[in-house]
PDB file of N, CA and C in Angstrom:
ATOM      1  N   MET A   1      23.925  14.654  32.540  1.00  0.00           N
ATOM      2  CA  MET A   1      22.915  13.660  32.895  1.00  0.00           C
ATOM      3  C   MET A   1      21.638  13.870  32.116  1.00  0.00           C
ATOM      4  N   PHE A   2      21.188  15.142  32.024  1.00  0.00           N
ATOM      5  CA  PHE A   2      19.962  15.428  31.292  1.00  0.00           C
ATOM      6  C   PHE A   2      20.155  15.083  29.831  1.00  0.00           C
ATOM      7  N   ARG A   3      21.314  15.411  29.293  1.00  0.00           N
ATOM      8  CA  ARG A   3      21.595  15.132  27.869  1.00  0.00           C
ATOM      9  C   ARG A   3      21.576  13.631  27.595  1.00  0.00           C
ATOM     10  N   ALA A   4      22.113  12.837  28.482  1.00  0.00           N
ATOM     11  CA  ALA A   4      22.104  11.384  28.333  1.00  0.00           C
ATOM     12  C   ALA A   4      20.685  10.836  28.338  1.00  0.00           C
ATOM     13  N   LYS A   5      19.813  11.389  29.155  1.00  0.00           N
ATOM     14  CA  LYS A   5      18.417  10.930  29.173  1.00  0.00           C
ATOM     15  C   LYS A   5      17.726  11.293  27.881  1.00  0.00           C
ATOM     16  N   VAL A   6      17.965  12.496  27.378  1.00  0.00           N
ATOM     17  CA  VAL A   6      17.347  12.903  26.122  1.00  0.00           C
ATOM     18  C   VAL A   6      17.832  11.999  24.964  1.00  0.00           C
ATOM     19  N   LEU A   7      19.113  11.704  24.940  1.00  0.00           N
ATOM     20  CA  LEU A   7      19.643  10.819  23.903  1.00  0.00           C
ATOM     21  C   LEU A   7      19.042   9.411  24.034  1.00  0.00           C
ATOM     22  N   SER A   8      18.836   8.949  25.240  1.00  0.00           N
ATOM     23  CA  SER A   8      18.213   7.647  25.438  1.00  0.00           C
ATOM     24  C   SER A   8      16.797   7.607  24.904  1.00  0.00           C
ATOM     25  N   VAL A   9      16.036   8.662  25.174  1.00  0.00           N
ATOM     26  CA  VAL A   9      14.650   8.759  24.710  1.00  0.00           C
ATOM     27  C   VAL A   9      14.627   8.797  23.170  1.00  0.00           C
ATOM     28  N   VAL A  10      15.533   9.569  22.577  1.00  0.00           N
ATOM     29  CA  VAL A  10      15.615   9.670  21.126  1.00  0.00           C
ATOM     30  C   VAL A  10      15.956   8.294  20.536  1.00  0.00           C
ATOM     31  N   ALA A  11      16.891   7.572  21.149  1.00  0.00           N
ATOM     32  CA  ALA A  11      17.295   6.257  20.643  1.00  0.00           C
ATOM     33  C   ALA A  11      16.140   5.271  20.722  1.00  0.00           C
ATOM     34  N   VAL A  12      15.416   5.293  21.834  1.00  0.00           N
ATOM     35  CA  VAL A  12      14.249   4.382  21.988  1.00  0.00           C
ATOM     36  C   VAL A  12      13.164   4.712  20.964  1.00  0.00           C
ATOM     37  N   ALA A  13      12.931   6.023  20.758  1.00  0.00           N
ATOM     38  CA  ALA A  13      11.909   6.402  19.755  1.00  0.00           C
ATOM     39  C   ALA A  13      12.308   5.989  18.348  1.00  0.00           C
ATOM     40  N   ALA A  14      13.580   6.128  18.010  1.00  0.00           N
ATOM     41  CA  ALA A  14      14.069   5.728  16.687  1.00  0.00           C
ATOM     42  C   ALA A  14      13.920   4.223  16.523  1.00  0.00           C
ATOM     43  N   LEU A  15      14.247   3.478  17.540  1.00  0.00           N
ATOM     44  CA  LEU A  15      14.120   2.003  17.478  1.00  0.00           C
ATOM     45  C   LEU A  15      12.668   1.605  17.315  1.00  0.00           C
ATOM     46  N   ALA A  16      11.779   2.289  17.975  1.00  0.00           N
ATOM     47  CA  ALA A  16      10.333   1.973  17.862  1.00  0.00           C
ATOM     48  C   ALA A  16       9.855   2.253  16.443  1.00  0.00           C
ATOM     49  N   ILE A  17      10.304   3.341  15.829  1.00  0.00           N
ATOM     50  CA  ILE A  17       9.900   3.658  14.463  1.00  0.00           C
ATOM     51  C   ILE A  17      10.419   2.599  13.511  1.00  0.00           C
ATOM     52  N   VAL A  18      11.658   2.205  13.611  1.00  0.00           N
ATOM     53  CA  VAL A  18      12.249   1.190  12.754  1.00  0.00           C
ATOM     54  C   VAL A  18      11.525  -0.132  12.963  1.00  0.00           C
ATOM     55  N   SER A  19      11.232  -0.532  14.200  1.00  0.00           N
ATOM     56  CA  SER A  19      10.555  -1.794  14.479  1.00  0.00           C
ATOM     57  C   SER A  19       9.167  -1.769  13.874  1.00  0.00           C
ATOM     58  N   THR A  20       8.443  -0.661  13.996  1.00  0.00           N
ATOM     59  CA  THR A  20       7.113  -0.532  13.445  1.00  0.00           C
ATOM     60  C   THR A  20       7.139  -0.675  11.936  1.00  0.00           C
ATOM     61  N   ALA A  21       8.119  -0.047  11.280  1.00  0.00           N
ATOM     62  CA  ALA A  21       8.235  -0.139   9.829  1.00  0.00           C
ATOM     63  C   ALA A  21       8.476  -1.597   9.392  1.00  0.00           C
ATOM     64  N   LEU A  22       9.348  -2.282  10.115  1.00  0.00           N
ATOM     65  CA  LEU A  22       9.642  -3.664   9.770  1.00  0.00           C
ATOM     66  C   LEU A  22       8.409  -4.564   9.979  1.00  0.00           C
ATOM     67  N   LEU A  23       7.708  -4.349  11.072  1.00  0.00           N
ATOM     68  CA  LEU A  23       6.488  -5.109  11.301  1.00  0.00           C
ATOM     69  C   LEU A  23       5.450  -4.814  10.232  1.00  0.00           C
ATOM     70  N   ALA A  24       5.358  -3.580   9.811  1.00  0.00           N
ATOM     71  CA  ALA A  24       4.380  -3.199   8.794  1.00  0.00           C
ATOM     72  C   ALA A  24       4.660  -3.942   7.495  1.00  0.00           C
ATOM     73  N   GLU A  25       5.919  -4.052   7.102  1.00  0.00           N
ATOM     74  CA  GLU A  25       6.255  -4.764   5.864  1.00  0.00           C
ATOM     75  C   GLU A  25       5.965  -6.244   5.993  1.00  0.00           C
ATOM     76  N   ASP A  26       6.265  -6.846   7.154  1.00  0.00           N
ATOM     77  CA  ASP A  26       5.989  -8.248   7.335  1.00  0.00           C
ATOM     78  C   ASP A  26       4.485  -8.533   7.333  1.00  0.00           C
ATOM     79  N   ASP A  27       3.728  -7.642   7.943  1.00  0.00           N
ATOM     80  CA  ASP A  27       2.296  -7.807   8.055  1.00  0.00           C
ATOM     81  C   ASP A  27       1.548  -7.365   6.787  1.00  0.00           C
ATOM     82  N   PHE A  28       2.248  -6.620   5.941  1.00  0.00           N
ATOM     83  CA  PHE A  28       1.610  -6.031   4.730  1.00  0.00           C
ATOM     84  C   PHE A  28       2.580  -6.266   3.563  1.00  0.00           C
ATOM     85  N   PRO A  29       2.727  -7.528   3.131  1.00  0.00           N
ATOM     86  CA  PRO A  29       3.774  -7.850   2.154  1.00  0.00           C
ATOM     87  C   PRO A  29       3.455  -7.394   0.726  1.00  0.00           C
ATOM     88  N   ILE A  30       2.382  -6.633   0.566  1.00  0.00           N
ATOM     89  CA  ILE A  30       2.030  -6.167  -0.775  1.00  0.00           C
ATOM     90  C   ILE A  30       2.631  -4.788  -1.092  1.00  0.00           C
ATOM     91  N   ILE A  31       3.476  -4.286  -0.207  1.00  0.00           N
ATOM     92  CA  ILE A  31       4.129  -3.011  -0.437  1.00  0.00           C
ATOM     93  C   ILE A  31       4.993  -3.095  -1.681  1.00  0.00           C
ATOM     94  N   GLY A  32       4.897  -2.109  -2.547  1.00  0.00           N
ATOM     95  CA  GLY A  32       5.685  -2.083  -3.769  1.00  0.00           C
ATOM     96  C   GLY A  32       5.032  -1.279  -4.862  1.00  0.00           C
ATOM     97  N   THR A  33       5.655  -1.300  -6.032  1.00  0.00           N
ATOM     98  CA  THR A  33       5.112  -0.643  -7.226  1.00  0.00           C
ATOM     99  C   THR A  33       4.623  -1.708  -8.197  1.00  0.00           C
ATOM    100  N   TYR A  34       3.474  -1.492  -8.757  1.00  0.00           N
ATOM    101  CA  TYR A  34       2.834  -2.454  -9.625  1.00  0.00           C
ATOM    102  C   TYR A  34       2.385  -1.828 -10.938  1.00  0.00           C
ATOM    103  N   THR A  35       2.287  -2.650 -11.977  1.00  0.00           N
ATOM    104  CA  THR A  35       1.605  -2.250 -13.207  1.00  0.00           C
ATOM    105  C   THR A  35       0.246  -2.943 -13.240  1.00  0.00           C
ATOM    106  N   GLU A  36      -0.671  -2.308 -13.894  1.00  0.00           N
ATOM    107  CA  GLU A  36      -2.019  -2.828 -13.915  1.00  0.00           C
ATOM    108  C   GLU A  36      -2.314  -3.612 -15.179  1.00  0.00           C
ATOM    109  N   ASN A  37      -2.665  -4.847 -15.004  1.00  0.00           N
ATOM    110  CA  ASN A  37      -3.107  -5.777 -16.059  1.00  0.00           C
ATOM    111  C   ASN A  37      -2.046  -6.172 -17.098  1.00  0.00           C
ATOM    112  N   VAL A  38      -0.843  -5.704 -16.982  1.00  0.00           N
ATOM    113  CA  VAL A  38       0.287  -6.150 -17.829  1.00  0.00           C
ATOM    114  C   VAL A  38       1.515  -6.330 -16.986  1.00  0.00           C
ATOM    115  N   PRO A  39       2.361  -7.302 -17.297  1.00  0.00           N
ATOM    116  CA  PRO A  39       3.594  -7.510 -16.518  1.00  0.00           C
ATOM    117  C   PRO A  39       4.443  -6.217 -16.521  1.00  0.00           C
ATOM    118  N   CYS A  40       5.099  -5.999 -15.426  1.00  0.00           N
ATOM    119  CA  CYS A  40       5.919  -4.788 -15.263  1.00  0.00           C
ATOM    120  C   CYS A  40       7.069  -4.735 -16.306  1.00  0.00           C
ATOM    121  N   THR A  41       7.723  -5.866 -16.505  1.00  0.00           N
ATOM    122  CA  THR A  41       8.806  -5.882 -17.487  1.00  0.00           C
ATOM    123  C   THR A  41       8.240  -5.711 -18.851  1.00  0.00           C
ATOM    124  N   GLY A  42       8.773  -4.766 -19.565  1.00  0.00           N
ATOM    125  CA  GLY A  42       8.292  -4.500 -20.928  1.00  0.00           C
ATOM    126  C   GLY A  42       7.140  -3.520 -20.993  1.00  0.00           C
ATOM    127  N   ALA A  43       6.611  -3.104 -19.833  1.00  0.00           N
ATOM    128  CA  ALA A  43       5.518  -2.140 -19.816  1.00  0.00           C
ATOM    129  C   ALA A  43       6.019  -0.775 -20.251  1.00  0.00           C
ATOM    130  N   ASP A  44       5.250  -0.082 -21.062  1.00  0.00           N
ATOM    131  CA  ASP A  44       5.661   1.255 -21.474  1.00  0.00           C
ATOM    132  C   ASP A  44       5.205   2.328 -20.521  1.00  0.00           C
ATOM    133  N   ALA A  45       5.575   3.547 -20.803  1.00  0.00           N
ATOM    134  CA  ALA A  45       5.299   4.651 -19.887  1.00  0.00           C
ATOM    135  C   ALA A  45       3.802   4.926 -19.724  1.00  0.00           C
ATOM    136  N   SER A  46       2.969   4.487 -20.679  1.00  0.00           N
ATOM    137  CA  SER A  46       1.538   4.757 -20.591  1.00  0.00           C
ATOM    138  C   SER A  46       0.820   3.727 -19.700  1.00  0.00           C
ATOM    139  N   THR A  47       1.513   2.680 -19.284  1.00  0.00           N
ATOM    140  CA  THR A  47       0.897   1.644 -18.457  1.00  0.00           C
ATOM    141  C   THR A  47       0.600   2.207 -17.073  1.00  0.00           C
ATOM    142  N   VAL A  48      -0.604   1.942 -16.594  1.00  0.00           N
ATOM    143  CA  VAL A  48      -1.018   2.423 -15.272  1.00  0.00           C
ATOM    144  C   VAL A  48      -0.140   1.779 -14.209  1.00  0.00           C
ATOM    145  N   ARG A  49       0.405   2.635 -13.322  1.00  0.00           N
ATOM    146  CA  ARG A  49       1.244   2.165 -12.224  1.00  0.00           C
ATOM    147  C   ARG A  49       0.563   2.497 -10.900  1.00  0.00           C
ATOM    148  N   VAL A  50       0.665   1.571  -9.976  1.00  0.00           N
ATOM    149  CA  VAL A  50       0.080   1.720  -8.650  1.00  0.00           C
ATOM    150  C   VAL A  50       1.214   1.528  -7.641  1.00  0.00           C
ATOM    151  N   LYS A  51       1.318   2.463  -6.677  1.00  0.00           N
ATOM    152  CA  LYS A  51       2.347   2.356  -5.648  1.00  0.00           C
ATOM    153  C   LYS A  51       1.633   2.138  -4.312  1.00  0.00           C
ATOM    154  N   ILE A  52       2.046   1.100  -3.615  1.00  0.00           N
ATOM    155  CA  ILE A  52       1.447   0.762  -2.303  1.00  0.00           C
ATOM    156  C   ILE A  52       2.555   0.863  -1.268  1.00  0.00           C
ATOM    157  N   THR A  53       2.304   1.659  -0.218  1.00  0.00           N
ATOM    158  CA  THR A  53       3.221   1.745   0.929  1.00  0.00           C
ATOM    159  C   THR A  53       2.440   1.284   2.152  1.00  0.00           C
ATOM    160  N   ALA A  54       3.083   1.313   3.308  1.00  0.00           N
ATOM    161  CA  ALA A  54       2.393   0.940   4.547  1.00  0.00           C
ATOM    162  C   ALA A  54       1.310   1.943   4.901  1.00  0.00           C
ATOM    163  N   ARG A  55       1.391   3.164   4.374  1.00  0.00           N
ATOM    164  CA  ARG A  55       0.472   4.215   4.703  1.00  0.00           C
ATOM    165  C   ARG A  55      -0.471   4.678   3.600  1.00  0.00           C
ATOM    166  N   ASP A  56      -0.032   4.499   2.336  1.00  0.00           N
ATOM    167  CA  ASP A  56      -0.739   5.074   1.210  1.00  0.00           C
ATOM    168  C   ASP A  56      -0.865   4.116   0.025  1.00  0.00           C
ATOM    169  N   ILE A  57      -1.846   4.395  -0.825  1.00  0.00           N
ATOM    170  CA  ILE A  57      -1.964   3.777  -2.140  1.00  0.00           C
ATOM    171  C   ILE A  57      -2.098   4.918  -3.133  1.00  0.00           C
ATOM    172  N   ASP A  58      -1.179   4.963  -4.084  1.00  0.00           N
ATOM    173  CA  ASP A  58      -1.219   6.006  -5.103  1.00  0.00           C
ATOM    174  C   ASP A  58      -1.537   5.343  -6.435  1.00  0.00           C
ATOM    175  N   SER A  59      -2.708   5.673  -6.965  1.00  0.00           N
ATOM    176  CA  SER A  59      -3.193   5.044  -8.179  1.00  0.00           C
ATOM    177  C   SER A  59      -3.871   6.088  -9.039  1.00  0.00           C
ATOM    178  N   PRO A  60      -3.605   6.071 -10.357  1.00  0.00           N
ATOM    179  CA  PRO A  60      -4.348   6.970 -11.226  1.00  0.00           C
ATOM    180  C   PRO A  60      -5.870   6.730 -11.226  1.00  0.00           C
ATOM    181  N   ILE A  61      -6.271   5.534 -10.917  1.00  0.00           N
ATOM    182  CA  ILE A  61      -7.696   5.221 -10.887  1.00  0.00           C
ATOM    183  C   ILE A  61      -8.347   5.765  -9.622  1.00  0.00           C
ATOM    184  N   LEU A  62      -7.721   5.529  -8.440  1.00  0.00           N
ATOM    185  CA  LEU A  62      -8.326   5.916  -7.165  1.00  0.00           C
ATOM    186  C   LEU A  62      -7.874   7.323  -6.738  1.00  0.00           C
ATOM    187  N   GLY A  63      -6.721   7.765  -7.163  1.00  0.00           N
ATOM    188  CA  GLY A  63      -6.111   8.977  -6.677  1.00  0.00           C
ATOM    189  C   GLY A  63      -5.120   8.604  -5.575  1.00  0.00           C
ATOM    190  N   LEU A  64      -4.790   9.570  -4.722  1.00  0.00           N
ATOM    191  CA  LEU A  64      -3.923   9.318  -3.598  1.00  0.00           C
ATOM    192  C   LEU A  64      -4.790   8.956  -2.395  1.00  0.00           C
ATOM    193  N   CYS A  65      -4.605   7.726  -1.892  1.00  0.00           N
ATOM    194  CA  CYS A  65      -5.428   7.202  -0.830  1.00  0.00           C
ATOM    195  C   CYS A  65      -4.593   6.988   0.445  1.00  0.00           C
ATOM    196  N   THR A  66      -5.101   7.466   1.530  1.00  0.00           N
ATOM    197  CA  THR A  66      -4.496   7.209   2.831  1.00  0.00           C
ATOM    198  C   THR A  66      -5.130   5.934   3.398  1.00  0.00           C
ATOM    199  N   ILE A  67      -4.275   5.019   3.872  1.00  0.00           N
ATOM    200  CA  ILE A  67      -4.782   3.787   4.454  1.00  0.00           C
ATOM    201  C   ILE A  67      -5.169   4.096   5.895  1.00  0.00           C
ATOM    202  N   LEU A  68      -6.454   3.933   6.196  1.00  0.00           N
ATOM    203  CA  LEU A  68      -6.982   4.188   7.535  1.00  0.00           C
ATOM    204  C   LEU A  68      -6.992   2.933   8.403  1.00  0.00           C
ATOM    205  N   GLU A  69      -7.195   1.802   7.757  1.00  0.00           N
ATOM    206  CA  GLU A  69      -7.263   0.549   8.456  1.00  0.00           C
ATOM    207  C   GLU A  69      -6.995  -0.578   7.456  1.00  0.00           C
ATOM    208  N   ARG A  70      -6.382  -1.624   7.938  1.00  0.00           N
ATOM    209  CA  ARG A  70      -6.196  -2.805   7.096  1.00  0.00           C
ATOM    210  C   ARG A  70      -6.336  -4.055   7.921  1.00  0.00           C
ATOM    211  N   LYS A  71      -6.896  -5.067   7.250  1.00  0.00           N
ATOM    212  CA  LYS A  71      -7.090  -6.373   7.895  1.00  0.00           C
ATOM    213  C   LYS A  71      -6.565  -7.441   6.945  1.00  0.00           C
ATOM    214  N   ARG A  72      -6.006  -8.463   7.547  1.00  0.00           N
ATOM    215  CA  ARG A  72      -5.477  -9.556   6.720  1.00  0.00           C
ATOM    216  C   ARG A  72      -6.133 -10.878   7.172  1.00  0.00           C
ATOM    217  N   GLU A  73      -6.590 -11.602   6.177  1.00  0.00           N
ATOM    218  CA  GLU A  73      -7.042 -12.990   6.382  1.00  0.00           C
ATOM    219  C   GLU A  73      -6.352 -13.853   5.379  1.00  0.00           C
ATOM    220  N   GLY A  74      -5.314 -14.521   5.791  1.00  0.00           N
ATOM    221  CA  GLY A  74      -4.504 -15.336   4.866  1.00  0.00           C
ATOM    222  C   GLY A  74      -3.879 -14.478   3.814  1.00  0.00           C
ATOM    223  N   ASP A  75      -4.244 -14.691   2.539  1.00  0.00           N
ATOM    224  CA  ASP A  75      -3.664 -13.939   1.427  1.00  0.00           C
ATOM    225  C   ASP A  75      -4.558 -12.789   0.995  1.00  0.00           C
ATOM    226  N   LYS A  76      -5.661 -12.521   1.729  1.00  0.00           N
ATOM    227  CA  LYS A  76      -6.575 -11.457   1.388  1.00  0.00           C
ATOM    228  C   LYS A  76      -6.368 -10.254   2.323  1.00  0.00           C
ATOM    229  N   PHE A  77      -6.271  -9.068   1.732  1.00  0.00           N
ATOM    230  CA  PHE A  77      -6.105  -7.829   2.507  1.00  0.00           C
ATOM    231  C   PHE A  77      -7.270  -6.928   2.227  1.00  0.00           C
ATOM    232  N   SER A  78      -8.005  -6.577   3.267  1.00  0.00           N
ATOM    233  CA  SER A  78      -9.103  -5.634   3.160  1.00  0.00           C
ATOM    234  C   SER A  78      -8.583  -4.307   3.726  1.00  0.00           C
ATOM    235  N   VAL A  79      -8.682  -3.257   2.888  1.00  0.00           N
ATOM    236  CA  VAL A  79      -8.100  -1.987   3.235  1.00  0.00           C
ATOM    237  C   VAL A  79      -9.140  -0.895   3.180  1.00  0.00           C
ATOM    238  N   HIS A  80      -9.308  -0.192   4.279  1.00  0.00           N
ATOM    239  CA  HIS A  80     -10.224   0.966   4.360  1.00  0.00           C
ATOM    240  C   HIS A  80      -9.410   2.205   4.050  1.00  0.00           C
ATOM    241  N   VAL A  81      -9.834   2.976   3.055  1.00  0.00           N
ATOM    242  CA  VAL A  81      -9.035   4.119   2.577  1.00  0.00           C
ATOM    243  C   VAL A  81      -9.869   5.385   2.487  1.00  0.00           C
ATOM    244  N   GLU A  82      -9.137   6.509   2.533  1.00  0.00           N
ATOM    245  CA  GLU A  82      -9.702   7.829   2.216  1.00  0.00           C
ATOM    246  C   GLU A  82      -8.891   8.340   1.042  1.00  0.00           C
ATOM    247  N   CYS A  83      -9.576   8.582  -0.063  1.00  0.00           N
ATOM    248  CA  CYS A  83      -8.882   8.927  -1.304  1.00  0.00           C
ATOM    249  C   CYS A  83      -9.236  10.377  -1.726  1.00  0.00           C
ATOM    250  N   LYS A  84      -8.218  11.042  -2.263  1.00  0.00           N
ATOM    251  CA  LYS A  84      -8.407  12.370  -2.824  1.00  0.00           C
ATOM    252  C   LYS A  84      -8.248  12.241  -4.326  1.00  0.00           C
ATOM    253  N   GLY A  85      -9.349  12.410  -5.023  1.00  0.00           N
ATOM    254  CA  GLY A  85      -9.357  12.244  -6.481  1.00  0.00           C
ATOM    255  C   GLY A  85      -9.105  13.552  -7.184  1.00  0.00           C
ATOM    256  N   PRO A  86      -9.277  13.541  -8.507  1.00  0.00           N
ATOM    257  CA  PRO A  86      -9.086  14.783  -9.282  1.00  0.00           C
ATOM    258  C   PRO A  86     -10.027  15.877  -8.786  1.00  0.00           C
ATOM    259  N   GLY A  87      -9.521  17.067  -8.748  1.00  0.00           N
ATOM    260  CA  GLY A  87     -10.303  18.220  -8.319  1.00  0.00           C
ATOM    261  C   GLY A  87     -10.446  18.311  -6.802  1.00  0.00           C
ATOM    262  N   GLY A  88      -9.768  17.444  -6.058  1.00  0.00           N
ATOM    263  CA  GLY A  88      -9.760  17.511  -4.603  1.00  0.00           C
ATOM    264  C   GLY A  88     -10.914  16.802  -3.952  1.00  0.00           C
ATOM    265  N   ALA A  89     -11.738  16.123  -4.709  1.00  0.00           N
ATOM    266  CA  ALA A  89     -12.903  15.403  -4.105  1.00  0.00           C
ATOM    267  C   ALA A  89     -12.349  14.284  -3.218  1.00  0.00           C
ATOM    268  N   THR A  90     -12.972  14.138  -2.047  1.00  0.00           N
ATOM    269  CA  THR A  90     -12.553  13.107  -1.093  1.00  0.00           C
ATOM    270  C   THR A  90     -13.642  12.055  -0.985  1.00  0.00           C
ATOM    271  N   MET A  91     -13.199  10.785  -1.007  1.00  0.00           N
ATOM    272  CA  MET A  91     -14.160   9.686  -0.794  1.00  0.00           C
ATOM    273  C   MET A  91     -13.525   8.665   0.105  1.00  0.00           C
ATOM    274  N   MET A  92     -14.351   7.938   0.808  1.00  0.00           N
ATOM    275  CA  MET A  92     -13.908   6.862   1.681  1.00  0.00           C
ATOM    276  C   MET A  92     -14.507   5.571   1.133  1.00  0.00           C
ATOM    277  N   GLY A  93     -13.738   4.500   1.310  1.00  0.00           N
ATOM    278  CA  GLY A  93     -14.256   3.234   0.830  1.00  0.00           C
ATOM    279  C   GLY A  93     -13.305   2.091   1.205  1.00  0.00           C
ATOM    280  N   ASP A  94     -13.614   0.928   0.686  1.00  0.00           N
ATOM    281  CA  ASP A  94     -12.799  -0.246   0.953  1.00  0.00           C
ATOM    282  C   ASP A  94     -12.322  -0.824  -0.356  1.00  0.00           C
ATOM    283  N   VAL A  95     -11.091  -1.318  -0.355  1.00  0.00           N
ATOM    284  CA  VAL A  95     -10.551  -2.073  -1.491  1.00  0.00           C
ATOM    285  C   VAL A  95      -9.989  -3.373  -0.969  1.00  0.00           C
ATOM    286  N   ASN A  96      -9.968  -4.358  -1.843  1.00  0.00           N
ATOM    287  CA  ASN A  96      -9.453  -5.676  -1.483  1.00  0.00           C
ATOM    288  C   ASN A  96      -8.332  -6.085  -2.403  1.00  0.00           C
ATOM    289  N   PHE A  97      -7.310  -6.676  -1.818  1.00  0.00           N
ATOM    290  CA  PHE A  97      -6.203  -7.217  -2.571  1.00  0.00           C
ATOM    291  C   PHE A  97      -6.075  -8.687  -2.170  1.00  0.00           C
ATOM    292  N   THR A  98      -5.875  -9.559  -3.153  1.00  0.00           N
ATOM    293  CA  THR A  98      -5.640 -10.957  -2.891  1.00  0.00           C
ATOM    294  C   THR A  98      -4.296 -11.332  -3.510  1.00  0.00           C
ATOM    295  N   LEU A  99      -3.354 -11.766  -2.689  1.00  0.00           N
ATOM    296  CA  LEU A  99      -2.016 -12.167  -3.129  1.00  0.00           C
ATOM    297  C   LEU A  99      -2.124 -13.520  -3.782  1.00  0.00           C
ATOM    298  N   ARG A 100      -1.760 -13.639  -5.036  1.00  0.00           N
ATOM    299  CA  ARG A 100      -1.804 -14.900  -5.760  1.00  0.00           C
ATOM    300  C   ARG A 100      -0.443 -15.609  -5.699  1.00  0.00           C
ATOM    301  N   THR A 101      -0.440 -16.864  -5.985  1.00  0.00           N
ATOM    302  CA  THR A 101       0.791 -17.657  -5.916  1.00  0.00           C
ATOM    303  C   THR A 101       1.838 -17.187  -6.941  1.00  0.00           C
ATOM    304  N   ASP A 102       1.439 -16.540  -7.998  1.00  0.00           N
ATOM    305  CA  ASP A 102       2.408 -16.052  -8.986  1.00  0.00           C
ATOM    306  C   ASP A 102       2.916 -14.674  -8.649  1.00  0.00           C
ATOM    307  N   LYS A 103       2.665 -14.192  -7.381  1.00  0.00           N
ATOM    308  CA  LYS A 103       3.087 -12.903  -6.863  1.00  0.00           C
ATOM    309  C   LYS A 103       2.361 -11.701  -7.447  1.00  0.00           C
ATOM    310  N   THR A 104       1.296 -11.932  -8.196  1.00  0.00           N
ATOM    311  CA  THR A 104       0.463 -10.828  -8.641  1.00  0.00           C
ATOM    312  C   THR A 104      -0.617 -10.571  -7.566  1.00  0.00           C
ATOM    313  N   LEU A 105      -1.300  -9.452  -7.696  1.00  0.00           N
ATOM    314  CA  LEU A 105      -2.405  -9.132  -6.756  1.00  0.00           C
ATOM    315  C   LEU A 105      -3.693  -8.997  -7.558  1.00  0.00           C
ATOM    316  N   ASP A 106      -4.744  -9.643  -7.075  1.00  0.00           N
ATOM    317  CA  ASP A 106      -6.070  -9.342  -7.595  1.00  0.00           C
ATOM    318  C   ASP A 106      -6.564  -8.130  -6.814  1.00  0.00           C
ATOM    319  N   PHE A 107      -7.081  -7.138  -7.513  1.00  0.00           N
ATOM    320  CA  PHE A 107      -7.595  -5.931  -6.887  1.00  0.00           C
ATOM    321  C   PHE A 107      -9.056  -5.795  -7.237  1.00  0.00           C
ATOM    322  N   ALA A 108      -9.865  -5.379  -6.243  1.00  0.00           N
ATOM    323  CA  ALA A 108     -11.280  -5.084  -6.469  1.00  0.00           C
ATOM    324  C   ALA A 108     -11.711  -3.979  -5.505  1.00  0.00           C
ATOM    325  N   ASP A 109     -12.586  -3.098  -5.987  1.00  0.00           N
ATOM    326  CA  ASP A 109     -13.137  -2.107  -5.096  1.00  0.00           C
ATOM    327  C   ASP A 109     -14.275  -2.741  -4.290  1.00  0.00           C
ATOM    328  N   GLN A 110     -14.819  -1.994  -3.358  1.00  0.00           N
ATOM    329  CA  GLN A 110     -15.810  -2.580  -2.421  1.00  0.00           C
ATOM    330  C   GLN A 110     -17.064  -3.097  -3.099  1.00  0.00           C
ATOM    331  N   ASP A 111     -17.430  -2.537  -4.241  1.00  0.00           N
ATOM    332  CA  ASP A 111     -18.629  -2.947  -4.934  1.00  0.00           C
ATOM    333  C   ASP A 111     -18.332  -3.897  -6.108  1.00  0.00           C
ATOM    334  N   ASN A 112     -17.080  -4.258  -6.252  1.00  0.00           N
ATOM    335  CA  ASN A 112     -16.606  -5.118  -7.352  1.00  0.00           C
ATOM    336  C   ASN A 112     -16.989  -4.502  -8.724  1.00  0.00           C
ATOM    337  N   THR A 113     -16.998  -3.160  -8.790  1.00  0.00           N
ATOM    338  CA  THR A 113     -17.260  -2.525 -10.096  1.00  0.00           C
ATOM    339  C   THR A 113     -15.983  -2.324 -10.855  1.00  0.00           C
ATOM    340  N   TYR A 114     -14.844  -2.354 -10.157  1.00  0.00           N
ATOM    341  CA  TYR A 114     -13.544  -2.218 -10.824  1.00  0.00           C
ATOM    342  C   TYR A 114     -12.625  -3.331 -10.336  1.00  0.00           C
ATOM    343  N   LYS A 115     -12.107  -4.092 -11.256  1.00  0.00           N
ATOM    344  CA  LYS A 115     -11.185  -5.173 -10.913  1.00  0.00           C
ATOM    345  C   LYS A 115      -9.957  -5.079 -11.786  1.00  0.00           C
ATOM    346  N   ALA A 116      -8.823  -5.483 -11.255  1.00  0.00           N
ATOM    347  CA  ALA A 116      -7.590  -5.471 -12.021  1.00  0.00           C
ATOM    348  C   ALA A 116      -6.629  -6.509 -11.442  1.00  0.00           C
ATOM    349  N   VAL A 117      -5.627  -6.862 -12.223  1.00  0.00           N
ATOM    350  CA  VAL A 117      -4.528  -7.690 -11.726  1.00  0.00           C
ATOM    351  C   VAL A 117      -3.314  -6.790 -11.720  1.00  0.00           C
ATOM    352  N   LEU A 118      -2.662  -6.720 -10.552  1.00  0.00           N
ATOM    353  CA  LEU A 118      -1.512  -5.896 -10.378  1.00  0.00           C
ATOM    354  C   LEU A 118      -0.230  -6.780 -10.417  1.00  0.00           C
ATOM    355  N   HIS A 119       0.711  -6.366 -11.256  1.00  0.00           N
ATOM    356  CA  HIS A 119       1.961  -7.124 -11.431  1.00  0.00           C
ATOM    357  C   HIS A 119       3.090  -6.344 -10.757  1.00  0.00           C
ATOM    358  N   LYS A 120       3.780  -6.967  -9.816  1.00  0.00           N
ATOM    359  CA  LYS A 120       4.820  -6.300  -9.043  1.00  0.00           C
ATOM    360  C   LYS A 120       6.042  -6.002  -9.895  1.00  0.00           C
ATOM    361  N   CYS A 121       6.549  -4.797  -9.768  1.00  0.00           N
ATOM    362  CA  CYS A 121       7.754  -4.388 -10.471  1.00  0.00           C
ATOM    363  C   CYS A 121       8.963  -4.681  -9.586  1.00  0.00           C
ATOM    364  N   PRO A 122      10.125  -4.970 -10.190  1.00  0.00           N
ATOM    365  CA  PRO A 122      11.315  -5.199  -9.402  1.00  0.00           C
ATOM    366  C   PRO A 122      11.704  -3.909  -8.650  1.00  0.00           C
ATOM    367  N   ASP A 123      12.289  -4.077  -7.490  1.00  0.00           N
ATOM    368  CA  ASP A 123      12.685  -2.929  -6.685  1.00  0.00           C
ATOM    369  C   ASP A 123      13.800  -2.163  -7.305  1.00  0.00           C
TER     370      ASP A 123
END
């Protein structure tokens, strides 16, 4: 009896994790790997690549950033991040992504000092 209850709790927890992951992808459709300012196809190894997951943004420009909060208004995503840059320096800030009709993303930091167009790579 105890074993059956433990298995039930484990099954419910697993289902909750899977459901949360699915909701995250639906609510955050920008998940994927991107190249910066050049189309992914034909990009060489020196092209800057950005990987966006439901929890992190990994970019040579920003470093490894943990997503602390995200908001969506239509095709615009405002993301509050904590980034660890070179040498272990930590900074917090906001970045914005705008999903364009051609499936690219406009990227800008909170002060609009750095902007880029991100091109999604095939899975």
